[in-house]
C-alpha atoms as a PDB file:
ATOM      1  CA  MET A   1     147.063 130.377  68.859  1.00  0.00           C
ATOM      2  CA  ARG A   2     147.445 126.919  67.353  1.00  0.00           C
ATOM      3  CA  LEU A   3     144.367 125.029  66.190  1.00  0.00           C
ATOM      4  CA  ALA A   4     144.743 122.217  68.742  1.00  0.00           C
ATOM      5  CA  ALA A   5     144.955 124.759  71.558  1.00  0.00           C
ATOM      6  CA  GLN A   6     141.848 126.593  70.305  1.00  0.00           C
ATOM      7  CA  LEU A   7     139.880 123.332  70.177  1.00  0.00           C
ATOM      8  CA  ARG A   8     141.041 122.416  73.690  1.00  0.00           C
ATOM      9  CA  ASP A   9     140.108 125.851  75.043  1.00  0.00           C
ATOM     10  CA  VAL A  10     136.517 125.698  73.769  1.00  0.00           C
ATOM     11  CA  GLY A  11     135.927 121.963  74.257  1.00  0.00           C
ATOM     12  CA  HIS A  12     134.321 122.379  77.679  1.00  0.00           C
ATOM     13  CA  LEU A  13     132.114 125.372  76.819  1.00  0.00           C
ATOM     14  CA  GLU A  14     128.339 124.995  76.616  1.00  0.00           C
ATOM     15  CA  LEU A  15     127.260 128.153  74.805  1.00  0.00           C
ATOM     16  CA  LEU A  16     123.766 128.880  73.527  1.00  0.00           C
ATOM     17  CA  LEU A  17     123.470 129.146  69.768  1.00  0.00           C
ATOM     18  CA  PRO A  18     122.073 132.552  68.716  1.00  0.00           C
ATOM     19  CA  ALA A  19     118.888 132.606  66.660  1.00  0.00           C
ATOM     20  CA  ALA A  20     119.268 131.980  62.940  1.00  0.00           C
ATOM     21  CA  THR A  21     119.007 135.057  60.718  1.00  0.00           C
ATOM     22  CA  ALA A  22     116.961 133.105  58.159  1.00  0.00           C
ATOM     23  CA  THR A  23     115.874 129.626  57.184  1.00  0.00           C
ATOM     24  CA  ASN A  24     116.181 128.194  53.682  1.00  0.00           C
ATOM     25  CA  ARG A  25     115.401 124.856  52.141  1.00  0.00           C
ATOM     26  CA  GLY A  26     118.576 122.954  51.364  1.00  0.00           C
ATOM     27  CA  TYR A  27     118.988 119.738  49.414  1.00  0.00           C
ATOM     28  CA  PHE A  28     121.365 117.136  50.846  1.00  0.00           C
ATOM     29  CA  GLU A  29     122.117 113.936  48.977  1.00  0.00           C
ATOM     30  CA  THR A  30     121.677 111.680  52.007  1.00  0.00           C
ATOM     31  CA  SER A  31     118.616 113.452  53.459  1.00  0.00           C
ATOM     32  CA  GLY A  32     116.767 115.200  50.632  1.00  0.00           C
ATOM     33  CA  TRP A  33     115.184 118.624  51.196  1.00  0.00           C
ATOM     34  CA  LEU A  34     115.585 119.977  54.744  1.00  0.00           C
ATOM     35  CA  SER A  35     114.782 123.218  56.507  1.00  0.00           C
ATOM     36  CA  THR A  36     118.248 124.756  56.900  1.00  0.00           C
ATOM     37  CA  PRO A  37     118.983 127.615  59.323  1.00  0.00           C
ATOM     38  CA  VAL A  38     121.297 130.396  58.150  1.00  0.00           C
ATOM     39  CA  TYR A  39     123.702 132.044  60.614  1.00  0.00           C
ATOM     40  CA  GLU A  40     125.900 135.098  60.149  1.00  0.00           C
ATOM     41  CA  LEU A  41     129.402 133.987  61.046  1.00  0.00           C
ATOM     42  CA  LYS A  42     130.260 137.274  62.793  1.00  0.00           C
ATOM     43  CA  ALA A  43     127.264 136.815  65.138  1.00  0.00           C
ATOM     44  CA  LEU A  44     128.453 133.414  66.377  1.00  0.00           C
ATOM     45  CA  PRO A  45     130.535 133.530  69.567  1.00  0.00           C
ATOM     46  CA  VAL A  46     133.832 131.678  69.783  1.00  0.00           C
ATOM     47  CA  GLY A  47     133.192 128.262  71.265  1.00  0.00           C
ATOM     48  CA  VAL A  48     129.656 127.761  70.003  1.00  0.00           C
ATOM     49  CA  ARG A  49     128.835 124.557  68.111  1.00  0.00           C
ATOM     50  CA  VAL A  50     126.455 124.528  65.156  1.00  0.00           C
ATOM     51  CA  ALA A  51     124.845 121.198  64.256  1.00  0.00           C
ATOM     52  CA  GLY A  52     123.995 120.511  60.642  1.00  0.00           C
ATOM     53  CA  PRO A  53     122.164 121.109  58.542  1.00  0.00           C
ATOM     54  CA  ALA A  54     123.137 124.779  58.627  1.00  0.00           C
ATOM     55  CA  LEU A  55     124.661 127.528  56.512  1.00  0.00           C
ATOM     56  CA  LEU A  56     127.285 129.856  58.002  1.00  0.00           C
ATOM     57  CA  ILE A  57     127.729 133.007  55.929  1.00  0.00           C
ATOM     58  CA  ASP A  58     129.810 136.150  55.828  1.00  0.00           C
ATOM     59  CA  ASN A  59     130.870 138.614  53.124  1.00  0.00           C
ATOM     60  CA  THR A  60     133.285 136.223  51.421  1.00  0.00           C
ATOM     61  CA  GLN A  61     132.137 132.657  52.043  1.00  0.00           C
ATOM     62  CA  THR A  62     129.353 130.215  52.736  1.00  0.00           C
ATOM     63  CA  ILE A  63     130.134 127.208  54.908  1.00  0.00           C
ATOM     64  CA  VAL A  64     127.731 124.297  54.483  1.00  0.00           C
ATOM     65  CA  VAL A  65     127.349 122.167  57.598  1.00  0.00           C
ATOM     66  CA  VAL A  66     125.832 118.920  56.345  1.00  0.00           C
ATOM     67  CA  PRO A  67     123.335 116.864  58.374  1.00  0.00           C
ATOM     68  CA  GLY A  68     125.152 114.848  61.033  1.00  0.00           C
ATOM     69  CA  ALA A  69     128.122 117.247  61.165  1.00  0.00           C
ATOM     70  CA  VAL A  70     129.011 119.841  63.799  1.00  0.00           C
ATOM     71  CA  ALA A  71     130.854 123.107  63.135  1.00  0.00           C
ATOM     72  CA  ASN A  72     133.021 124.436  65.969  1.00  0.00           C
ATOM     73  CA  ILE A  73     133.474 128.215  65.867  1.00  0.00           C
ATOM     74  CA  LEU A  74     137.044 129.051  66.870  1.00  0.00           C
ATOM     75  CA  GLU A  75     138.992 132.292  67.165  1.00  0.00           C
ATOM     76  CA  SER A  76     140.778 131.879  63.825  1.00  0.00           C
ATOM     77  CA  CYS A  77     138.602 129.465  61.849  1.00  0.00           C
ATOM     78  CA  VAL A  78     135.672 127.056  61.737  1.00  0.00           C
ATOM     79  CA  VAL A  79     136.399 123.353  62.235  1.00  0.00           C
ATOM     80  CA  THR A  80     133.733 120.931  61.059  1.00  0.00           C
ATOM     81  CA  LYS A  81     133.541 117.420  62.441  1.00  0.00           C
ATOM     82  CA  LEU A  82     131.678 114.949  60.274  1.00  0.00           C
ATOM     83  CA  GLY A  83     129.538 112.384  62.059  1.00  0.00           C
ATOM     84  CA  ARG A  84     128.802 108.898  60.791  1.00  0.00           C
ATOM     85  CA  ALA A  85     125.675 110.066  59.005  1.00  0.00           C
ATOM     86  CA  ALA A  86     127.550 112.905  57.305  1.00  0.00           C
ATOM     87  CA  GLN A  87     129.009 111.315  54.221  1.00  0.00           C
ATOM     88  CA  ILE A  88     130.148 113.506  51.373  1.00  0.00           C
ATOM     89  CA  SER A  89     130.917 112.157  47.940  1.00  0.00           C
ATOM     90  CA  PHE A  90     133.019 114.051  45.444  1.00  0.00           C
ATOM     91  CA  PRO A  91     132.978 113.453  41.694  1.00  0.00           C
ATOM     92  CA  SER A  92     136.145 112.042  40.206  1.00  0.00           C
ATOM     93  CA  PRO A  93     138.376 114.542  38.368  1.00  0.00           C
ATOM     94  CA  ALA A  94     137.619 112.680  35.123  1.00  0.00           C
ATOM     95  CA  THR A  95     133.892 113.424  35.464  1.00  0.00           C
ATOM     96  CA  PRO A  96     133.250 117.114  36.061  1.00  0.00           C
ATOM     97  CA  PRO A  97     130.039 117.778  37.987  1.00  0.00           C
ATOM     98  CA  HIS A  98     128.835 120.439  35.504  1.00  0.00           C
ATOM     99  CA  ARG A  99     129.295 121.213  31.866  1.00  0.00           C
ATOM    100  CA  ALA A 100     128.705 124.371  29.898  1.00  0.00           C
ATOM    101  CA  VAL A 101     125.248 124.986  28.460  1.00  0.00           C
ATOM    102  CA  GLY A 102     125.169 123.669  24.922  1.00  0.00           C
ATOM    103  CA  ALA A 103     128.265 121.514  25.430  1.00  0.00           C
ATOM    104  CA  PRO A 104     128.039 118.023  23.975  1.00  0.00           C
ATOM    105  CA  PRO A 105     127.281 115.267  26.514  1.00  0.00           C
END
């Protein structure tokens, strides 16, 4: 099923979010340290919406839902919609975010 059709099919649903499997502290640039619920992706029903901050995990990935964003769980993927408060900045390719230990500055 196409992505647009999946979004349309779940747009009207009002599903209850299952309980988080854990809660961790997460640091977000715009909000600082926040209590961040952790959900197992396989336990989330299709159509449920997860408001950030949250972590969605499975065996191969971790999806970070930043504060102000909402993740929509679909049949084939997770679509995250960023709100106004959810601003993400990425470093420029010329300035890598990390360098090797012992590397010159």
